[in-house]
């Protein structure tokens, strides 16, 4: 859902006031840190998914409980990786109006 011009103006004013009042906090919310964090979660999610699939295949016939643990690991890691990947996609599409915020 797109924002109206009035809503975009208010959002822009809020961003500028945030950076003016507390530049350190505003920088912590910038795209670089959020982008790096999301990318790190995606990487860990992929590695955890691989580890869970290895656990599932290895222990499927001998220790069924550990194979279920591997399956649960695969599910949780895929949800985390996909949600962070969608956040990365949104960050690339949404330009920021403040000049000091750069993404990527």
Foldseek 3Di string as FASTA:
>chain_A
DDDDPVVVVVVLVVLVVVCVVDVVVSVCPFQAVLLVVLVVLLVVLVVQLVVLVVQLVVCVPPPVVSNVVSVVSNVVSVVRNVVSVVVNVVSVVDDHPDPVGDHD
